[in-house]
């Protein structure tokens, strides 16, 4: 069901945001990172990629996979570095993997990262590339509406504050996405409420990808 219809059924959002509709693509297979390859790559919708970089935890990996399955985006999951890995080598391999998953120009890139700043339940922080102040406001409103819709059926889960930083950028000089979101979830959201916030981010990314760039 499109998110707009689902939200209307829940009766919680303004019509201006509720009419937004996302696009789903082919399902991404669940798989572990092969032992002989440090980065898992699953191509998907051309130009659209979700990734968990090398500093992720298991929950961030699971959320990235859920987002890829829900949206049809390509998927990249980098293995945690070994003691003999160099940061430069890992970064270059990661950027190549994102390019491979994109299968062309990188139009929309989402990175799921672990945030470890206190408090445990704190904030969902979204840094951006290719997003102006107007679009940042719309993205925050969209994330809050989706979060609140999920919280109505999961009242025991803490309500994360959504922070969107327009133009903060994402790591990786060679990536050069047209638009990118780097999403950090605090420890409790990843550990205790992963299922709900994974669903929140899957819905949010699908809708965010469909938003026009604005004026």
N, C-alpha and C. Protein backbone atom coordinates (compact mmCIF):
# COMPACT_ATOMS: atom_id res chain seq x y z
N UNK A 1 0.84 -1.19 0.00
CA UNK A 1 0.00 0.00 0.00
C UNK A 1 0.88 1.24 0.00
N UNK A 2 0.60 2.25 -0.88
CA UNK A 2 1.37 3.47 -0.82
C UNK A 2 1.27 4.10 0.55
N UNK A 3 2.34 4.74 0.97
CA UNK A 3 2.36 5.33 2.31
C UNK A 3 1.26 6.36 2.47
N UNK A 4 0.97 7.13 1.40
CA UNK A 4 -0.05 8.16 1.52
C UNK A 4 -1.39 7.55 1.92
N UNK A 5 -1.77 6.40 1.30
CA UNK A 5 -3.02 5.76 1.65
C UNK A 5 -2.99 5.22 3.07
N UNK A 6 -1.85 4.66 3.43
CA UNK A 6 -1.71 4.11 4.78
C UNK A 6 -1.86 5.20 5.83
N UNK A 7 -1.22 6.37 5.57
CA UNK A 7 -1.32 7.47 6.52
C UNK A 7 -2.74 8.01 6.57
N UNK A 8 -3.41 8.12 5.43
CA UNK A 8 -4.79 8.61 5.45
C UNK A 8 -5.66 7.69 6.28
N UNK A 9 -5.43 6.37 6.15
CA UNK A 9 -6.22 5.42 6.91
C UNK A 9 -5.99 5.60 8.40
N UNK A 10 -4.75 5.99 8.77
CA UNK A 10 -4.46 6.21 10.18
C UNK A 10 -4.98 7.55 10.66
N UNK A 11 -5.33 8.45 9.72
CA UNK A 11 -5.97 9.70 10.07
C UNK A 11 -5.10 10.64 10.87
N UNK A 12 -3.82 10.81 10.48
CA UNK A 12 -2.94 11.56 11.36
C UNK A 12 -2.18 12.69 10.73
N UNK A 13 -2.27 12.88 9.42
CA UNK A 13 -1.38 13.84 8.80
C UNK A 13 -2.14 14.80 7.92
N UNK A 14 -1.50 15.90 7.61
CA UNK A 14 -2.11 16.90 6.74
C UNK A 14 -2.13 16.39 5.31
N UNK A 15 -3.09 16.89 4.54
CA UNK A 15 -3.22 16.43 3.16
C UNK A 15 -2.00 16.78 2.33
N UNK A 16 -1.35 17.88 2.65
CA UNK A 16 -0.21 18.31 1.85
C UNK A 16 0.90 17.28 1.85
N UNK A 17 1.13 16.62 3.00
CA UNK A 17 2.18 15.61 3.07
C UNK A 17 1.63 14.24 2.73
N UNK A 18 0.38 13.97 3.07
CA UNK A 18 -0.19 12.64 2.89
C UNK A 18 -0.25 12.23 1.43
N UNK A 19 -0.31 13.19 0.49
CA UNK A 19 -0.44 12.81 -0.91
C UNK A 19 0.88 12.37 -1.53
N UNK A 20 1.98 12.50 -0.78
CA UNK A 20 3.26 12.05 -1.31
C UNK A 20 3.22 10.54 -1.48
N UNK A 21 3.78 10.05 -2.56
CA UNK A 21 3.80 8.60 -2.78
C UNK A 21 5.19 8.17 -3.18
N UNK A 22 5.65 7.05 -2.64
CA UNK A 22 6.97 6.53 -2.98
C UNK A 22 6.87 5.50 -4.08
N UNK A 23 8.04 5.01 -4.49
CA UNK A 23 8.12 4.01 -5.54
C UNK A 23 8.85 2.80 -5.01
N UNK A 24 8.28 1.63 -5.18
CA UNK A 24 8.94 0.39 -4.76
C UNK A 24 9.54 -0.28 -5.98
N UNK A 25 10.58 -1.03 -5.77
CA UNK A 25 11.26 -1.72 -6.86
C UNK A 25 11.38 -3.19 -6.54
N UNK A 26 12.25 -3.90 -7.24
CA UNK A 26 12.40 -5.33 -7.02
C UNK A 26 12.98 -5.63 -5.65
N UNK A 27 12.61 -6.79 -5.14
CA UNK A 27 13.09 -7.21 -3.83
C UNK A 27 14.58 -7.54 -3.88
N UNK A 28 15.30 -7.15 -2.82
CA UNK A 28 16.72 -7.46 -2.70
C UNK A 28 16.87 -8.71 -1.86
N UNK A 29 17.67 -9.67 -2.33
CA UNK A 29 17.87 -10.90 -1.59
C UNK A 29 18.58 -10.62 -0.27
N UNK A 30 18.19 -11.35 0.78
CA UNK A 30 18.92 -11.30 2.04
C UNK A 30 20.16 -12.18 1.89
N UNK A 31 21.30 -11.66 2.30
CA UNK A 31 22.54 -12.43 2.19
C UNK A 31 23.55 -11.88 3.16
N UNK A 32 24.48 -12.72 3.54
CA UNK A 32 25.58 -12.29 4.38
C UNK A 32 26.74 -11.87 3.50
N UNK A 33 27.65 -11.09 4.07
CA UNK A 33 28.83 -10.69 3.32
C UNK A 33 29.69 -11.93 3.07
N UNK A 34 30.01 -12.24 1.82
CA UNK A 34 30.83 -13.41 1.55
C UNK A 34 32.19 -13.30 2.24
N UNK A 35 32.73 -14.39 2.77
CA UNK A 35 34.01 -14.32 3.48
C UNK A 35 35.17 -13.91 2.59
N UNK A 36 35.03 -14.13 1.26
CA UNK A 36 36.12 -13.79 0.36
C UNK A 36 35.96 -12.41 -0.25
N UNK A 37 34.96 -11.66 0.20
CA UNK A 37 34.75 -10.32 -0.34
C UNK A 37 34.37 -9.38 0.79
N UNK A 38 35.11 -8.27 0.97
CA UNK A 38 34.87 -7.40 2.12
C UNK A 38 33.62 -6.55 2.02
N UNK A 39 33.01 -6.47 0.84
CA UNK A 39 31.83 -5.61 0.66
C UNK A 39 30.76 -6.38 -0.11
N UNK A 40 29.56 -6.36 0.43
CA UNK A 40 28.42 -6.97 -0.24
C UNK A 40 27.76 -5.94 -1.14
N UNK A 41 27.52 -6.29 -2.40
CA UNK A 41 26.87 -5.40 -3.35
C UNK A 41 25.67 -6.12 -3.97
N UNK A 42 24.51 -5.47 -3.91
CA UNK A 42 23.31 -5.98 -4.58
C UNK A 42 22.75 -4.85 -5.43
N UNK A 43 22.96 -4.88 -6.75
CA UNK A 43 22.38 -3.83 -7.60
C UNK A 43 20.85 -3.84 -7.51
N UNK A 44 20.28 -2.67 -7.70
CA UNK A 44 18.83 -2.53 -7.66
C UNK A 44 18.38 -1.45 -8.63
N UNK A 45 17.51 -0.60 -8.17
CA UNK A 45 17.01 0.51 -8.98
C UNK A 45 18.17 1.40 -9.43
N UNK A 46 18.30 1.61 -10.71
CA UNK A 46 19.45 2.33 -11.25
C UNK A 46 19.54 3.74 -10.68
N UNK A 47 20.72 4.06 -10.11
CA UNK A 47 20.97 5.39 -9.58
C UNK A 47 20.57 5.58 -8.13
N UNK A 48 19.98 4.57 -7.50
CA UNK A 48 19.49 4.68 -6.13
C UNK A 48 20.16 3.60 -5.28
N UNK A 49 20.83 4.01 -4.20
CA UNK A 49 21.61 3.07 -3.39
C UNK A 49 21.43 3.38 -1.91
N UNK A 50 21.29 2.33 -1.10
CA UNK A 50 21.35 2.45 0.36
C UNK A 50 22.55 1.64 0.83
N UNK A 51 23.28 2.16 1.82
CA UNK A 51 24.52 1.51 2.23
C UNK A 51 24.72 1.58 3.74
N UNK A 52 25.44 0.59 4.26
CA UNK A 52 25.94 0.60 5.63
C UNK A 52 27.45 0.57 5.53
N UNK A 53 28.14 1.64 5.94
CA UNK A 53 29.60 1.69 5.80
C UNK A 53 30.30 0.81 6.82
N UNK A 54 31.61 0.83 6.80
CA UNK A 54 32.39 -0.12 7.60
C UNK A 54 32.25 0.07 9.10
N UNK A 55 31.80 1.23 9.57
CA UNK A 55 31.66 1.43 11.01
C UNK A 55 30.27 1.08 11.53
N UNK A 56 29.48 0.35 10.73
CA UNK A 56 28.12 0.01 11.14
C UNK A 56 28.11 -1.12 12.17
N UNK A 57 26.95 -1.31 12.80
CA UNK A 57 26.74 -2.49 13.64
C UNK A 57 25.69 -3.38 12.96
N UNK A 58 25.35 -4.50 13.60
CA UNK A 58 24.44 -5.46 12.98
C UNK A 58 23.07 -4.85 12.73
N UNK A 59 22.61 -3.99 13.64
CA UNK A 59 21.29 -3.38 13.48
C UNK A 59 21.27 -2.43 12.28
N UNK A 60 22.34 -1.66 12.10
CA UNK A 60 22.41 -0.77 10.94
C UNK A 60 22.40 -1.57 9.64
N UNK A 61 23.08 -2.70 9.63
CA UNK A 61 23.06 -3.58 8.47
C UNK A 61 21.65 -4.06 8.17
N UNK A 62 20.94 -4.50 9.21
CA UNK A 62 19.57 -5.00 9.03
C UNK A 62 18.66 -3.90 8.50
N UNK A 63 18.82 -2.69 9.02
CA UNK A 63 17.97 -1.59 8.57
C UNK A 63 18.27 -1.26 7.11
N UNK A 64 19.55 -1.22 6.74
CA UNK A 64 19.90 -0.95 5.34
C UNK A 64 19.26 -1.99 4.42
N UNK A 65 19.28 -3.23 4.82
CA UNK A 65 18.66 -4.27 4.00
C UNK A 65 17.15 -4.09 3.92
N UNK A 66 16.52 -3.72 5.02
CA UNK A 66 15.08 -3.49 5.00
C UNK A 66 14.72 -2.34 4.07
N UNK A 67 15.51 -1.28 4.12
CA UNK A 67 15.26 -0.15 3.23
C UNK A 67 15.41 -0.58 1.77
N UNK A 68 16.46 -1.34 1.47
CA UNK A 68 16.67 -1.81 0.10
C UNK A 68 15.52 -2.69 -0.37
N UNK A 69 15.05 -3.57 0.47
CA UNK A 69 13.95 -4.46 0.09
C UNK A 69 12.66 -3.68 -0.13
N UNK A 70 12.42 -2.66 0.68
CA UNK A 70 11.19 -1.89 0.59
C UNK A 70 11.18 -0.97 -0.63
N UNK A 71 12.34 -0.45 -1.00
CA UNK A 71 12.42 0.56 -2.05
C UNK A 71 12.91 0.04 -3.39
N UNK A 72 13.59 -1.12 -3.37
CA UNK A 72 14.22 -1.61 -4.60
C UNK A 72 15.56 -0.95 -4.88
N UNK A 73 16.09 -0.17 -3.93
CA UNK A 73 17.40 0.45 -4.10
C UNK A 73 18.49 -0.61 -4.17
N UNK A 74 19.61 -0.28 -4.81
CA UNK A 74 20.78 -1.11 -4.67
C UNK A 74 21.27 -1.09 -3.23
N UNK A 75 21.99 -2.13 -2.84
CA UNK A 75 22.44 -2.29 -1.46
C UNK A 75 23.95 -2.49 -1.41
N UNK A 76 24.61 -1.78 -0.48
CA UNK A 76 26.03 -1.98 -0.22
C UNK A 76 26.21 -2.12 1.28
N UNK A 77 26.89 -3.18 1.70
CA UNK A 77 27.22 -3.39 3.12
C UNK A 77 28.71 -3.68 3.19
N UNK A 78 29.46 -2.82 3.87
CA UNK A 78 30.90 -3.00 4.01
C UNK A 78 31.22 -3.79 5.27
N UNK A 79 32.17 -4.72 5.16
CA UNK A 79 32.59 -5.48 6.32
C UNK A 79 33.36 -4.58 7.28
N UNK A 80 33.31 -4.91 8.56
CA UNK A 80 34.09 -4.15 9.54
C UNK A 80 35.57 -4.40 9.26
N UNK A 81 36.40 -3.37 9.37
CA UNK A 81 37.81 -3.51 8.99
C UNK A 81 38.58 -4.45 9.90
N UNK A 82 39.53 -5.17 9.31
CA UNK A 82 40.46 -5.97 10.10
C UNK A 82 41.63 -5.10 10.49
N UNK A 83 42.50 -5.61 11.33
CA UNK A 83 43.62 -4.81 11.84
C UNK A 83 44.59 -4.39 10.74
N UNK A 84 44.65 -5.14 9.65
CA UNK A 84 45.61 -4.81 8.60
C UNK A 84 44.99 -4.00 7.46
N UNK A 85 43.71 -3.63 7.60
CA UNK A 85 43.08 -2.78 6.59
C UNK A 85 43.51 -1.33 6.78
N UNK A 86 43.65 -0.60 5.69
CA UNK A 86 43.93 0.83 5.78
C UNK A 86 42.67 1.61 5.46
N UNK A 87 42.50 2.77 6.08
CA UNK A 87 41.30 3.56 5.86
C UNK A 87 41.16 3.97 4.41
N UNK A 88 42.29 4.29 3.76
CA UNK A 88 42.23 4.70 2.36
C UNK A 88 41.76 3.58 1.46
N UNK A 89 42.26 2.37 1.70
CA UNK A 89 41.86 1.22 0.89
C UNK A 89 40.39 0.91 1.09
N UNK A 90 39.93 0.94 2.35
CA UNK A 90 38.53 0.67 2.63
C UNK A 90 37.62 1.71 1.99
N UNK A 91 37.99 2.97 2.10
CA UNK A 91 37.16 4.04 1.54
C UNK A 91 37.05 3.90 0.02
N UNK A 92 38.16 3.60 -0.63
CA UNK A 92 38.14 3.46 -2.08
C UNK A 92 37.28 2.27 -2.51
N UNK A 93 37.40 1.15 -1.78
CA UNK A 93 36.61 -0.04 -2.10
C UNK A 93 35.12 0.24 -1.90
N UNK A 94 34.81 0.96 -0.84
CA UNK A 94 33.41 1.30 -0.53
C UNK A 94 32.82 2.17 -1.64
N UNK A 95 33.56 3.18 -2.06
CA UNK A 95 33.07 4.06 -3.10
C UNK A 95 32.88 3.31 -4.42
N UNK A 96 33.80 2.40 -4.73
CA UNK A 96 33.63 1.59 -5.95
C UNK A 96 32.39 0.72 -5.86
N UNK A 97 32.14 0.17 -4.67
CA UNK A 97 30.96 -0.69 -4.49
C UNK A 97 29.67 0.09 -4.66
N UNK A 98 29.63 1.32 -4.15
CA UNK A 98 28.44 2.16 -4.33
C UNK A 98 28.22 2.45 -5.81
N UNK A 99 29.30 2.74 -6.53
CA UNK A 99 29.18 2.96 -7.96
C UNK A 99 28.68 1.73 -8.70
N UNK A 100 29.16 0.56 -8.28
CA UNK A 100 28.71 -0.69 -8.89
C UNK A 100 27.22 -0.91 -8.65
N UNK A 101 26.77 -0.65 -7.41
CA UNK A 101 25.35 -0.84 -7.09
C UNK A 101 24.47 0.16 -7.82
N UNK A 102 24.99 1.38 -8.07
CA UNK A 102 24.21 2.42 -8.73
C UNK A 102 23.99 2.13 -10.21
N UNK A 103 24.98 1.47 -10.84
CA UNK A 103 24.89 1.15 -12.27
C UNK A 103 24.70 2.39 -13.13
N UNK A 104 25.44 3.43 -12.79
CA UNK A 104 25.33 4.68 -13.54
C UNK A 104 25.44 5.86 -12.58
N UNK A 105 25.04 7.05 -13.01
CA UNK A 105 25.10 8.22 -12.12
C UNK A 105 24.34 7.98 -10.82
N UNK A 106 24.92 8.42 -9.71
CA UNK A 106 24.31 8.22 -8.40
C UNK A 106 23.31 9.34 -8.14
N UNK A 107 22.04 9.03 -8.28
CA UNK A 107 20.99 10.05 -8.16
C UNK A 107 20.56 10.26 -6.72
N UNK A 108 20.43 9.17 -5.96
CA UNK A 108 19.93 9.28 -4.59
C UNK A 108 20.65 8.23 -3.74
N UNK A 109 21.36 8.70 -2.73
CA UNK A 109 22.20 7.82 -1.91
C UNK A 109 21.82 7.97 -0.45
N UNK A 110 21.62 6.85 0.22
CA UNK A 110 21.26 6.84 1.64
C UNK A 110 22.28 6.00 2.39
N UNK A 111 22.82 6.57 3.46
CA UNK A 111 23.78 5.85 4.29
C UNK A 111 23.20 5.70 5.69
N UNK A 112 23.16 4.47 6.19
CA UNK A 112 22.66 4.20 7.54
C UNK A 112 23.86 4.03 8.46
N UNK A 113 23.98 4.90 9.44
CA UNK A 113 25.15 4.88 10.32
C UNK A 113 24.70 4.74 11.77
N UNK A 114 25.61 4.26 12.60
CA UNK A 114 25.33 4.15 14.02
C UNK A 114 25.78 5.43 14.72
N UNK A 115 24.88 6.01 15.49
CA UNK A 115 25.22 7.16 16.30
C UNK A 115 25.38 6.73 17.75
N UNK A 116 26.43 7.12 18.39
CA UNK A 116 26.70 6.66 19.75
C UNK A 116 26.75 7.80 20.77
N UNK A 117 26.30 8.98 20.34
CA UNK A 117 26.27 10.09 21.28
C UNK A 117 25.10 9.92 22.25
N UNK A 118 25.28 10.26 23.54
CA UNK A 118 24.17 10.19 24.48
C UNK A 118 23.17 11.31 24.17
N UNK A 119 21.91 11.19 24.62
CA UNK A 119 21.37 10.05 25.36
C UNK A 119 21.05 8.88 24.45
N UNK A 120 20.80 7.74 25.07
CA UNK A 120 20.57 6.52 24.31
C UNK A 120 19.42 6.66 23.33
N UNK A 121 18.33 7.31 23.77
CA UNK A 121 17.15 7.40 22.92
C UNK A 121 17.14 8.63 22.03
N UNK A 122 17.82 9.67 22.40
CA UNK A 122 18.10 10.92 21.71
C UNK A 122 17.42 11.26 20.40
N UNK A 123 18.23 11.40 19.35
CA UNK A 123 17.76 11.99 18.11
C UNK A 123 18.06 11.11 16.90
N UNK A 124 17.21 11.23 15.91
CA UNK A 124 17.52 10.70 14.59
C UNK A 124 18.11 11.86 13.80
N UNK A 125 19.37 11.77 13.43
CA UNK A 125 20.06 12.87 12.76
C UNK A 125 20.25 12.54 11.29
N UNK A 126 19.85 13.47 10.44
CA UNK A 126 19.92 13.26 8.99
C UNK A 126 20.76 14.38 8.39
N UNK A 127 21.97 14.05 7.97
CA UNK A 127 22.82 14.99 7.24
C UNK A 127 22.53 14.81 5.75
N UNK A 128 22.68 15.88 4.98
CA UNK A 128 22.24 15.83 3.60
C UNK A 128 23.27 16.39 2.63
N UNK A 129 23.12 15.98 1.38
CA UNK A 129 23.81 16.57 0.24
C UNK A 129 22.76 16.87 -0.83
N UNK A 130 22.87 18.01 -1.50
CA UNK A 130 21.91 18.34 -2.55
C UNK A 130 20.54 18.70 -2.03
N UNK A 131 20.47 19.18 -0.80
CA UNK A 131 19.19 19.52 -0.17
C UNK A 131 19.27 20.96 0.32
N UNK A 132 18.36 21.81 -0.14
CA UNK A 132 18.34 23.19 0.33
C UNK A 132 17.49 23.30 1.59
N UNK A 133 17.41 24.51 2.15
CA UNK A 133 16.70 24.70 3.42
C UNK A 133 15.23 24.34 3.31
N UNK A 134 14.60 24.68 2.18
CA UNK A 134 13.18 24.37 2.00
C UNK A 134 12.94 22.87 1.99
N UNK A 135 13.75 22.15 1.22
CA UNK A 135 13.58 20.70 1.15
C UNK A 135 13.90 20.06 2.49
N UNK A 136 14.87 20.58 3.23
CA UNK A 136 15.19 20.04 4.55
C UNK A 136 13.99 20.12 5.48
N UNK A 137 13.26 21.23 5.43
CA UNK A 137 12.04 21.36 6.25
C UNK A 137 11.01 20.31 5.85
N UNK A 138 10.86 20.09 4.56
CA UNK A 138 9.89 19.09 4.09
C UNK A 138 10.31 17.68 4.49
N UNK A 139 11.61 17.41 4.42
CA UNK A 139 12.09 16.09 4.83
C UNK A 139 11.86 15.85 6.32
N UNK A 140 12.11 16.87 7.13
CA UNK A 140 11.87 16.71 8.56
C UNK A 140 10.39 16.47 8.84
N UNK A 141 9.52 17.24 8.20
CA UNK A 141 8.08 17.05 8.40
C UNK A 141 7.65 15.65 7.98
N UNK A 142 8.18 15.19 6.86
CA UNK A 142 7.85 13.85 6.37
C UNK A 142 8.29 12.78 7.36
N UNK A 143 9.54 12.89 7.85
CA UNK A 143 10.05 11.90 8.81
C UNK A 143 9.22 11.91 10.10
N UNK A 144 8.82 13.07 10.56
CA UNK A 144 8.04 13.15 11.79
C UNK A 144 6.65 12.55 11.61
N UNK A 145 6.04 12.79 10.46
CA UNK A 145 4.72 12.23 10.20
C UNK A 145 4.77 10.71 10.15
N UNK A 146 5.76 10.17 9.48
CA UNK A 146 5.89 8.72 9.39
C UNK A 146 6.21 8.13 10.76
N UNK A 147 7.14 8.76 11.49
CA UNK A 147 7.46 8.30 12.85
C UNK A 147 6.21 8.26 13.72
N UNK A 148 5.42 9.33 13.70
CA UNK A 148 4.25 9.40 14.58
C UNK A 148 3.18 8.39 14.18
N UNK A 149 3.05 8.13 12.87
CA UNK A 149 2.09 7.12 12.44
C UNK A 149 2.46 5.74 12.97
N UNK A 150 3.76 5.42 12.94
CA UNK A 150 4.21 4.13 13.49
C UNK A 150 4.08 4.09 15.01
N UNK A 151 4.32 5.22 15.66
CA UNK A 151 4.26 5.24 17.12
C UNK A 151 2.85 5.03 17.64
N UNK A 152 1.85 5.37 16.85
CA UNK A 152 0.49 5.16 17.32
C UNK A 152 0.18 3.68 17.55
N UNK A 153 0.84 2.81 16.81
CA UNK A 153 0.63 1.37 17.00
C UNK A 153 1.78 0.74 17.78
N UNK A 154 2.77 1.55 18.15
CA UNK A 154 3.90 1.08 18.98
C UNK A 154 4.16 2.11 20.09
N UNK A 155 3.17 2.34 20.96
CA UNK A 155 3.30 3.42 21.95
C UNK A 155 4.41 3.20 22.97
N UNK A 156 4.91 1.98 23.08
CA UNK A 156 5.97 1.70 24.05
C UNK A 156 7.34 2.16 23.57
N UNK A 157 7.46 2.53 22.31
CA UNK A 157 8.74 2.93 21.73
C UNK A 157 8.97 4.42 21.94
N UNK A 158 10.20 4.80 22.26
CA UNK A 158 10.52 6.21 22.48
C UNK A 158 10.42 7.01 21.18
N UNK A 159 10.00 8.25 21.33
CA UNK A 159 9.81 9.15 20.19
C UNK A 159 11.12 9.92 19.96
N UNK A 160 11.83 9.56 18.90
CA UNK A 160 13.08 10.23 18.57
C UNK A 160 12.81 11.59 17.96
N UNK A 161 13.58 12.58 18.37
CA UNK A 161 13.55 13.89 17.73
C UNK A 161 14.25 13.79 16.38
N UNK A 162 13.64 14.36 15.34
CA UNK A 162 14.23 14.33 14.00
C UNK A 162 14.96 15.63 13.75
N UNK A 163 16.23 15.53 13.36
CA UNK A 163 17.05 16.69 13.03
C UNK A 163 17.57 16.52 11.61
N UNK A 164 17.30 17.48 10.74
CA UNK A 164 17.79 17.44 9.36
C UNK A 164 18.74 18.61 9.16
N UNK A 165 19.96 18.32 8.75
CA UNK A 165 20.99 19.33 8.55
C UNK A 165 21.23 19.49 7.05
N UNK A 166 20.69 20.56 6.48
CA UNK A 166 20.80 20.77 5.04
C UNK A 166 22.23 21.09 4.65
N UNK A 167 22.74 20.35 3.68
CA UNK A 167 24.06 20.63 3.15
C UNK A 167 25.21 20.17 4.01
N UNK A 168 24.97 19.34 5.03
CA UNK A 168 26.06 18.87 5.90
C UNK A 168 26.98 17.91 5.17
N UNK A 169 26.46 17.24 4.14
CA UNK A 169 27.29 16.38 3.31
C UNK A 169 27.43 14.97 3.83
N UNK A 170 27.91 14.10 2.95
CA UNK A 170 28.22 12.71 3.30
C UNK A 170 29.67 12.46 2.95
N UNK A 171 30.26 11.47 3.60
CA UNK A 171 31.66 11.13 3.34
C UNK A 171 31.79 10.50 1.95
N UNK A 172 32.99 10.60 1.39
CA UNK A 172 33.27 9.96 0.11
C UNK A 172 33.32 10.95 -1.02
N UNK A 173 34.50 11.51 -1.26
CA UNK A 173 34.63 12.56 -2.28
C UNK A 173 34.30 12.06 -3.67
N UNK A 174 34.52 10.77 -3.93
CA UNK A 174 34.31 10.24 -5.28
C UNK A 174 32.85 9.87 -5.54
N UNK A 175 32.01 9.88 -4.53
CA UNK A 175 30.63 9.43 -4.71
C UNK A 175 29.81 10.43 -5.53
N UNK A 176 29.85 11.69 -5.17
CA UNK A 176 29.18 12.77 -5.90
C UNK A 176 27.72 12.47 -6.21
N UNK A 177 26.90 12.17 -5.21
CA UNK A 177 25.48 11.92 -5.48
C UNK A 177 24.75 13.22 -5.77
N UNK A 178 23.69 13.15 -6.57
CA UNK A 178 22.84 14.32 -6.78
C UNK A 178 22.16 14.73 -5.47
N UNK A 179 21.71 13.73 -4.73
CA UNK A 179 21.10 13.97 -3.42
C UNK A 179 21.48 12.82 -2.50
N UNK A 180 21.75 13.12 -1.25
CA UNK A 180 22.16 12.05 -0.32
C UNK A 180 21.65 12.36 1.08
N UNK A 181 21.36 11.29 1.82
CA UNK A 181 20.96 11.38 3.22
C UNK A 181 21.86 10.45 4.03
N UNK A 182 22.50 10.98 5.06
CA UNK A 182 23.26 10.15 6.00
C UNK A 182 22.47 10.13 7.30
N UNK A 183 21.92 8.97 7.62
CA UNK A 183 20.99 8.85 8.74
C UNK A 183 21.66 8.13 9.90
N UNK A 184 21.68 8.78 11.05
CA UNK A 184 22.25 8.19 12.26
C UNK A 184 21.15 7.95 13.28
N UNK A 185 21.10 6.72 13.79
CA UNK A 185 20.16 6.36 14.84
C UNK A 185 20.92 6.12 16.14
N UNK A 186 20.37 6.56 17.27
CA UNK A 186 21.04 6.34 18.55
C UNK A 186 20.97 4.87 18.97
N UNK A 187 21.76 4.47 19.97
CA UNK A 187 21.87 3.05 20.34
C UNK A 187 20.54 2.37 20.65
N UNK A 188 19.67 3.01 21.43
CA UNK A 188 18.41 2.34 21.80
C UNK A 188 17.54 2.07 20.59
N UNK A 189 17.52 3.00 19.64
CA UNK A 189 16.71 2.81 18.44
C UNK A 189 17.20 1.62 17.64
N UNK A 190 18.50 1.42 17.59
CA UNK A 190 19.05 0.29 16.85
C UNK A 190 18.92 -1.02 17.62
N UNK A 191 19.12 -0.96 18.94
CA UNK A 191 19.17 -2.19 19.73
C UNK A 191 17.78 -2.67 20.16
N UNK A 192 16.96 -1.77 20.69
CA UNK A 192 15.70 -2.16 21.31
C UNK A 192 14.49 -1.94 20.41
N UNK A 193 14.57 -1.01 19.48
CA UNK A 193 13.42 -0.65 18.65
C UNK A 193 13.75 -0.73 17.18
N UNK A 194 14.67 -1.63 16.83
CA UNK A 194 15.14 -1.70 15.45
C UNK A 194 14.00 -1.99 14.48
N UNK A 195 13.10 -2.88 14.84
CA UNK A 195 12.05 -3.27 13.91
C UNK A 195 11.18 -2.06 13.54
N UNK A 196 10.77 -1.28 14.55
CA UNK A 196 9.91 -0.16 14.24
C UNK A 196 10.65 0.94 13.49
N UNK A 197 11.84 1.32 13.99
CA UNK A 197 12.55 2.40 13.31
C UNK A 197 13.10 1.95 11.97
N UNK A 198 13.34 0.67 11.78
CA UNK A 198 13.68 0.19 10.46
C UNK A 198 12.52 0.39 9.48
N UNK A 199 11.29 0.13 9.96
CA UNK A 199 10.11 0.35 9.13
C UNK A 199 9.90 1.84 8.87
N UNK A 200 10.15 2.67 9.88
CA UNK A 200 10.05 4.12 9.71
C UNK A 200 10.99 4.59 8.60
N UNK A 201 12.24 4.15 8.66
CA UNK A 201 13.21 4.60 7.67
C UNK A 201 12.90 4.05 6.28
N UNK A 202 12.41 2.82 6.20
CA UNK A 202 12.05 2.27 4.89
C UNK A 202 10.95 3.11 4.24
N UNK A 203 9.91 3.47 5.02
CA UNK A 203 8.85 4.32 4.48
C UNK A 203 9.37 5.72 4.16
N UNK A 204 10.20 6.25 5.05
CA UNK A 204 10.72 7.61 4.85
C UNK A 204 11.58 7.70 3.60
N UNK A 205 12.48 6.75 3.41
CA UNK A 205 13.37 6.80 2.23
C UNK A 205 12.56 6.66 0.94
N UNK A 206 11.57 5.78 0.93
CA UNK A 206 10.74 5.62 -0.27
C UNK A 206 10.05 6.93 -0.63
N UNK A 207 9.50 7.62 0.37
CA UNK A 207 8.82 8.88 0.13
C UNK A 207 9.79 10.01 -0.19
N UNK A 208 10.93 10.05 0.51
CA UNK A 208 11.91 11.11 0.29
C UNK A 208 12.47 11.06 -1.13
N UNK A 209 12.66 9.87 -1.65
CA UNK A 209 13.19 9.72 -3.01
C UNK A 209 12.23 10.26 -4.05
N UNK A 210 10.95 10.31 -3.73
CA UNK A 210 9.94 10.79 -4.68
C UNK A 210 9.72 12.30 -4.60
N UNK A 211 10.28 12.96 -3.58
CA UNK A 211 10.08 14.40 -3.43
C UNK A 211 10.85 15.16 -4.51
N UNK A 212 10.21 16.16 -5.13
CA UNK A 212 10.96 17.01 -6.06
C UNK A 212 11.97 17.85 -5.33
N UNK A 213 12.96 18.34 -6.03
CA UNK A 213 14.04 19.09 -5.41
C UNK A 213 13.60 20.44 -4.87
N UNK A 214 12.44 20.93 -5.28
CA UNK A 214 11.99 22.24 -4.81
C UNK A 214 12.38 23.32 -5.79
N UNK A 215 12.12 24.55 -5.38
CA UNK A 215 12.41 25.69 -6.27
C UNK A 215 13.91 25.89 -6.41
